[in-house]
Amino acid sequence: MSAVAAFLSRYSEEELFIPAARARTKISLEIKKTTLASVIEHIGLRIGLPG
């Protein structure tokens, strides 16, 4: 998950945060025609301030 978060952060104006319990979770994405915000929400990242 951390590698995906690092990749997505290049395209986000806001800070992205990974919940600590999910930092090493492996994920697989096959999403087409969606927004960056939807992808971020789908994989469980947080936008903006933590908490």
PDB file of N, CA and C in Angstrom:
ATOM      1  N   MET A   1       0.817  -1.189   0.000  1.00  0.00           N
ATOM      2  CA  MET A   1       0.000   0.000   0.000  1.00  0.00           C
ATOM      3  C   MET A   1       0.862   1.255   0.000  1.00  0.00           C
ATOM      4  N   SER A   2       1.996   1.219   0.690  1.00  0.00           N
ATOM      5  CA  SER A   2       2.815   2.428   0.769  1.00  0.00           C
ATOM      6  C   SER A   2       3.355   2.844  -0.595  1.00  0.00           C
ATOM      7  N   ALA A   3       3.662   1.891  -1.457  1.00  0.00           N
ATOM      8  CA  ALA A   3       4.145   2.227  -2.797  1.00  0.00           C
ATOM      9  C   ALA A   3       3.046   2.886  -3.628  1.00  0.00           C
ATOM     10  N   VAL A   4       1.833   2.394  -3.494  1.00  0.00           N
ATOM     11  CA  VAL A   4       0.690   2.992  -4.210  1.00  0.00           C
ATOM     12  C   VAL A   4       0.432   4.395  -3.682  1.00  0.00           C
ATOM     13  N   ALA A   5       0.497   4.567  -2.382  1.00  0.00           N
ATOM     14  CA  ALA A   5       0.290   5.890  -1.781  1.00  0.00           C
ATOM     15  C   ALA A   5       1.352   6.878  -2.272  1.00  0.00           C
ATOM     16  N   ALA A   6       2.586   6.435  -2.342  1.00  0.00           N
ATOM     17  CA  ALA A   6       3.658   7.299  -2.839  1.00  0.00           C
ATOM     18  C   ALA A   6       3.402   7.696  -4.289  1.00  0.00           C
ATOM     19  N   PHE A   7       2.959   6.751  -5.099  1.00  0.00           N
ATOM     20  CA  PHE A   7       2.641   7.035  -6.495  1.00  0.00           C
ATOM     21  C   PHE A   7       1.487   8.035  -6.607  1.00  0.00           C
ATOM     22  N   LEU A   8       0.400   7.794  -5.869  1.00  0.00           N
ATOM     23  CA  LEU A   8      -0.770   8.667  -5.940  1.00  0.00           C
ATOM     24  C   LEU A   8      -0.490  10.062  -5.394  1.00  0.00           C
ATOM     25  N   SER A   9       0.399  10.168  -4.433  1.00  0.00           N
ATOM     26  CA  SER A   9       0.692  11.475  -3.840  1.00  0.00           C
ATOM     27  C   SER A   9       1.291  12.440  -4.854  1.00  0.00           C
ATOM     28  N   ARG A  10       1.903  11.917  -5.906  1.00  0.00           N
ATOM     29  CA  ARG A  10       2.445  12.784  -6.960  1.00  0.00           C
ATOM     30  C   ARG A  10       1.347  13.522  -7.716  1.00  0.00           C
ATOM     31  N   TYR A  11       0.141  12.985  -7.686  1.00  0.00           N
ATOM     32  CA  TYR A  11      -0.971  13.560  -8.440  1.00  0.00           C
ATOM     33  C   TYR A  11      -1.992  14.265  -7.564  1.00  0.00           C
ATOM     34  N   SER A  12      -1.759  14.298  -6.281  1.00  0.00           N
ATOM     35  CA  SER A  12      -2.699  14.906  -5.339  1.00  0.00           C
ATOM     36  C   SER A  12      -2.114  16.195  -4.778  1.00  0.00           C
ATOM     37  N   GLU A  13      -2.928  17.220  -4.700  1.00  0.00           N
ATOM     38  CA  GLU A  13      -2.491  18.474  -4.106  1.00  0.00           C
ATOM     39  C   GLU A  13      -2.488  18.388  -2.584  1.00  0.00           C
ATOM     40  N   GLU A  14      -3.260  17.467  -2.023  1.00  0.00           N
ATOM     41  CA  GLU A  14      -3.363  17.289  -0.576  1.00  0.00           C
ATOM     42  C   GLU A  14      -2.398  16.203  -0.116  1.00  0.00           C
ATOM     43  N   GLU A  15      -2.091  16.213   1.170  1.00  0.00           N
ATOM     44  CA  GLU A  15      -1.279  15.160   1.762  1.00  0.00           C
ATOM     45  C   GLU A  15      -2.106  13.876   1.842  1.00  0.00           C
ATOM     46  N   LEU A  16      -1.485  12.741   1.577  1.00  0.00           N
ATOM     47  CA  LEU A  16      -2.138  11.444   1.716  1.00  0.00           C
ATOM     48  C   LEU A  16      -1.536  10.715   2.911  1.00  0.00           C
ATOM     49  N   PHE A  17      -2.385  10.105   3.707  1.00  0.00           N
ATOM     50  CA  PHE A  17      -1.949   9.381   4.886  1.00  0.00           C
ATOM     51  C   PHE A  17      -2.408   7.935   4.820  1.00  0.00           C
ATOM     52  N   ILE A  18      -1.528   7.032   5.243  1.00  0.00           N
ATOM     53  CA  ILE A  18      -1.828   5.606   5.269  1.00  0.00           C
ATOM     54  C   ILE A  18      -2.095   5.216   6.715  1.00  0.00           C
ATOM     55  N   PRO A  19      -3.234   4.593   7.007  1.00  0.00           N
ATOM     56  CA  PRO A  19      -3.436   4.064   8.360  1.00  0.00           C
ATOM     57  C   PRO A  19      -2.306   3.063   8.670  1.00  0.00           C
ATOM     58  N   ALA A  20      -1.678   3.188   9.825  1.00  0.00           N
ATOM     59  CA  ALA A  20      -0.516   2.372  10.171  1.00  0.00           C
ATOM     60  C   ALA A  20      -0.767   0.868  10.023  1.00  0.00           C
ATOM     61  N   ALA A  21      -1.948   0.429  10.382  1.00  0.00           N
ATOM     62  CA  ALA A  21      -2.273  -0.997  10.305  1.00  0.00           C
ATOM     63  C   ALA A  21      -2.323  -1.511   8.865  1.00  0.00           C
ATOM     64  N   ARG A  22      -2.440  -0.617   7.899  1.00  0.00           N
ATOM     65  CA  ARG A  22      -2.557  -1.036   6.504  1.00  0.00           C
ATOM     66  C   ARG A  22      -1.324  -0.722   5.671  1.00  0.00           C
ATOM     67  N   ALA A  23      -0.279  -0.204   6.275  1.00  0.00           N
ATOM     68  CA  ALA A  23       0.897   0.242   5.524  1.00  0.00           C
ATOM     69  C   ALA A  23       1.531  -0.861   4.686  1.00  0.00           C
ATOM     70  N   ARG A  24       1.509  -2.092   5.175  1.00  0.00           N
ATOM     71  CA  ARG A  24       2.137  -3.200   4.435  1.00  0.00           C
ATOM     72  C   ARG A  24       1.124  -4.096   3.731  1.00  0.00           C
ATOM     73  N   THR A  25      -0.121  -3.664   3.695  1.00  0.00           N
ATOM     74  CA  THR A  25      -1.166  -4.436   3.032  1.00  0.00           C
ATOM     75  C   THR A  25      -0.936  -4.423   1.521  1.00  0.00           C
ATOM     76  N   LYS A  26      -1.001  -5.588   0.907  1.00  0.00           N
ATOM     77  CA  LYS A  26      -0.886  -5.673  -0.548  1.00  0.00           C
ATOM     78  C   LYS A  26      -2.260  -5.421  -1.147  1.00  0.00           C
ATOM     79  N   ILE A  27      -2.289  -4.630  -2.205  1.00  0.00           N
ATOM     80  CA  ILE A  27      -3.557  -4.332  -2.863  1.00  0.00           C
ATOM     81  C   ILE A  27      -3.420  -4.568  -4.364  1.00  0.00           C
ATOM     82  N   SER A  28      -4.554  -4.723  -4.996  1.00  0.00           N
ATOM     83  CA  SER A  28      -4.620  -4.882  -6.439  1.00  0.00           C
ATOM     84  C   SER A  28      -5.726  -3.969  -6.950  1.00  0.00           C
ATOM     85  N   LEU A  29      -5.430  -3.202  -7.967  1.00  0.00           N
ATOM     86  CA  LEU A  29      -6.414  -2.270  -8.510  1.00  0.00           C
ATOM     87  C   LEU A  29      -6.631  -2.518  -9.993  1.00  0.00           C
ATOM     88  N   GLU A  30      -7.866  -2.522 -10.381  1.00  0.00           N
ATOM     89  CA  GLU A  30      -8.252  -2.552 -11.783  1.00  0.00           C
ATOM     90  C   GLU A  30      -9.460  -1.654 -11.927  1.00  0.00           C
ATOM     91  N   ILE A  31      -9.219  -0.362 -11.809  1.00  0.00           N
ATOM     92  CA  ILE A  31     -10.301   0.623 -11.834  1.00  0.00           C
ATOM     93  C   ILE A  31     -10.122   1.493 -13.070  1.00  0.00           C
ATOM     94  N   LYS A  32     -11.184   1.692 -13.791  1.00  0.00           N
ATOM     95  CA  LYS A  32     -11.140   2.520 -14.992  1.00  0.00           C
ATOM     96  C   LYS A  32     -12.162   3.642 -14.872  1.00  0.00           C
ATOM     97  N   LYS A  33     -11.857   4.751 -15.518  1.00  0.00           N
ATOM     98  CA  LYS A  33     -12.759   5.895 -15.612  1.00  0.00           C
ATOM     99  C   LYS A  33     -13.318   6.309 -14.250  1.00  0.00           C
ATOM    100  N   THR A  34     -12.430   6.692 -13.367  1.00  0.00           N
ATOM    101  CA  THR A  34     -12.836   7.155 -12.042  1.00  0.00           C
ATOM    102  C   THR A  34     -11.946   8.321 -11.631  1.00  0.00           C
ATOM    103  N   THR A  35     -12.273   8.941 -10.544  1.00  0.00           N
ATOM    104  CA  THR A  35     -11.496  10.071 -10.063  1.00  0.00           C
ATOM    105  C   THR A  35     -10.380   9.604  -9.127  1.00  0.00           C
ATOM    106  N   LEU A  36      -9.385  10.443  -8.976  1.00  0.00           N
ATOM    107  CA  LEU A  36      -8.301  10.150  -8.045  1.00  0.00           C
ATOM    108  C   LEU A  36      -8.863  10.021  -6.628  1.00  0.00           C
ATOM    109  N   ALA A  37      -9.797  10.873  -6.267  1.00  0.00           N
ATOM    110  CA  ALA A  37     -10.410  10.816  -4.936  1.00  0.00           C
ATOM    111  C   ALA A  37     -11.101   9.473  -4.697  1.00  0.00           C
ATOM    112  N   SER A  38     -11.751   8.934  -5.703  1.00  0.00           N
ATOM    113  CA  SER A  38     -12.421   7.633  -5.565  1.00  0.00           C
ATOM    114  C   SER A  38     -11.418   6.507  -5.348  1.00  0.00           C
ATOM    115  N   VAL A  39     -10.301   6.551  -6.068  1.00  0.00           N
ATOM    116  CA  VAL A  39      -9.263   5.531  -5.900  1.00  0.00           C
ATOM    117  C   VAL A  39      -8.684   5.622  -4.493  1.00  0.00           C
ATOM    118  N   ILE A  40      -8.385   6.834  -4.044  1.00  0.00           N
ATOM    119  CA  ILE A  40      -7.828   7.039  -2.710  1.00  0.00           C
ATOM    120  C   ILE A  40      -8.777   6.500  -1.649  1.00  0.00           C
ATOM    121  N   GLU A  41     -10.051   6.802  -1.781  1.00  0.00           N
ATOM    122  CA  GLU A  41     -11.053   6.309  -0.833  1.00  0.00           C
ATOM    123  C   GLU A  41     -11.167   4.789  -0.899  1.00  0.00           C
ATOM    124  N   HIS A  42     -11.173   4.237  -2.101  1.00  0.00           N
ATOM    125  CA  HIS A  42     -11.337   2.790  -2.306  1.00  0.00           C
ATOM    126  C   HIS A  42     -10.238   1.981  -1.610  1.00  0.00           C
ATOM    127  N   ILE A  43      -9.010   2.478  -1.651  1.00  0.00           N
ATOM    128  CA  ILE A  43      -7.923   1.709  -1.043  1.00  0.00           C
ATOM    129  C   ILE A  43      -7.703   2.059   0.431  1.00  0.00           C
ATOM    130  N   GLY A  44      -8.433   3.029   0.952  1.00  0.00           N
ATOM    131  CA  GLY A  44      -8.392   3.311   2.386  1.00  0.00           C
ATOM    132  C   GLY A  44      -7.392   4.341   2.843  1.00  0.00           C
ATOM    133  N   LEU A  45      -6.916   5.181   1.922  1.00  0.00           N
ATOM    134  CA  LEU A  45      -6.027   6.267   2.326  1.00  0.00           C
ATOM    135  C   LEU A  45      -6.853   7.408   2.891  1.00  0.00           C
ATOM    136  N   ARG A  46      -6.193   8.298   3.607  1.00  0.00           N
ATOM    137  CA  ARG A  46      -6.842   9.490   4.162  1.00  0.00           C
ATOM    138  C   ARG A  46      -6.250  10.710   3.471  1.00  0.00           C
ATOM    139  N   ILE A  47      -7.090  11.688   3.206  1.00  0.00           N
ATOM    140  CA  ILE A  47      -6.669  12.933   2.564  1.00  0.00           C
ATOM    141  C   ILE A  47      -6.650  14.040   3.613  1.00  0.00           C
ATOM    142  N   GLY A  48      -5.606  14.873   3.581  1.00  0.00           N
ATOM    143  CA  GLY A  48      -5.544  16.025   4.483  1.00  0.00           C
ATOM    144  C   GLY A  48      -4.894  15.679   5.800  1.00  0.00           C
ATOM    145  N   LEU A  49      -5.468  16.184   6.865  1.00  0.00           N
ATOM    146  CA  LEU A  49      -4.909  15.959   8.196  1.00  0.00           C
ATOM    147  C   LEU A  49      -5.235  14.564   8.704  1.00  0.00           C
ATOM    148  N   PRO A  50      -4.295  13.912   9.381  1.00  0.00           N
ATOM    149  CA  PRO A  50      -4.579  12.577   9.904  1.00  0.00           C
ATOM    150  C   PRO A  50      -5.636  12.629  11.007  1.00  0.00           C
ATOM    151  N   GLY A  51      -6.394  11.530  11.097  1.00  0.00           N
ATOM    152  CA  GLY A  51      -7.403  11.427  12.140  1.00  0.00           C
ATOM    153  C   GLY A  51      -8.710  11.705  11.643  1.00  0.00           C
TER     154      GLY A  51
END
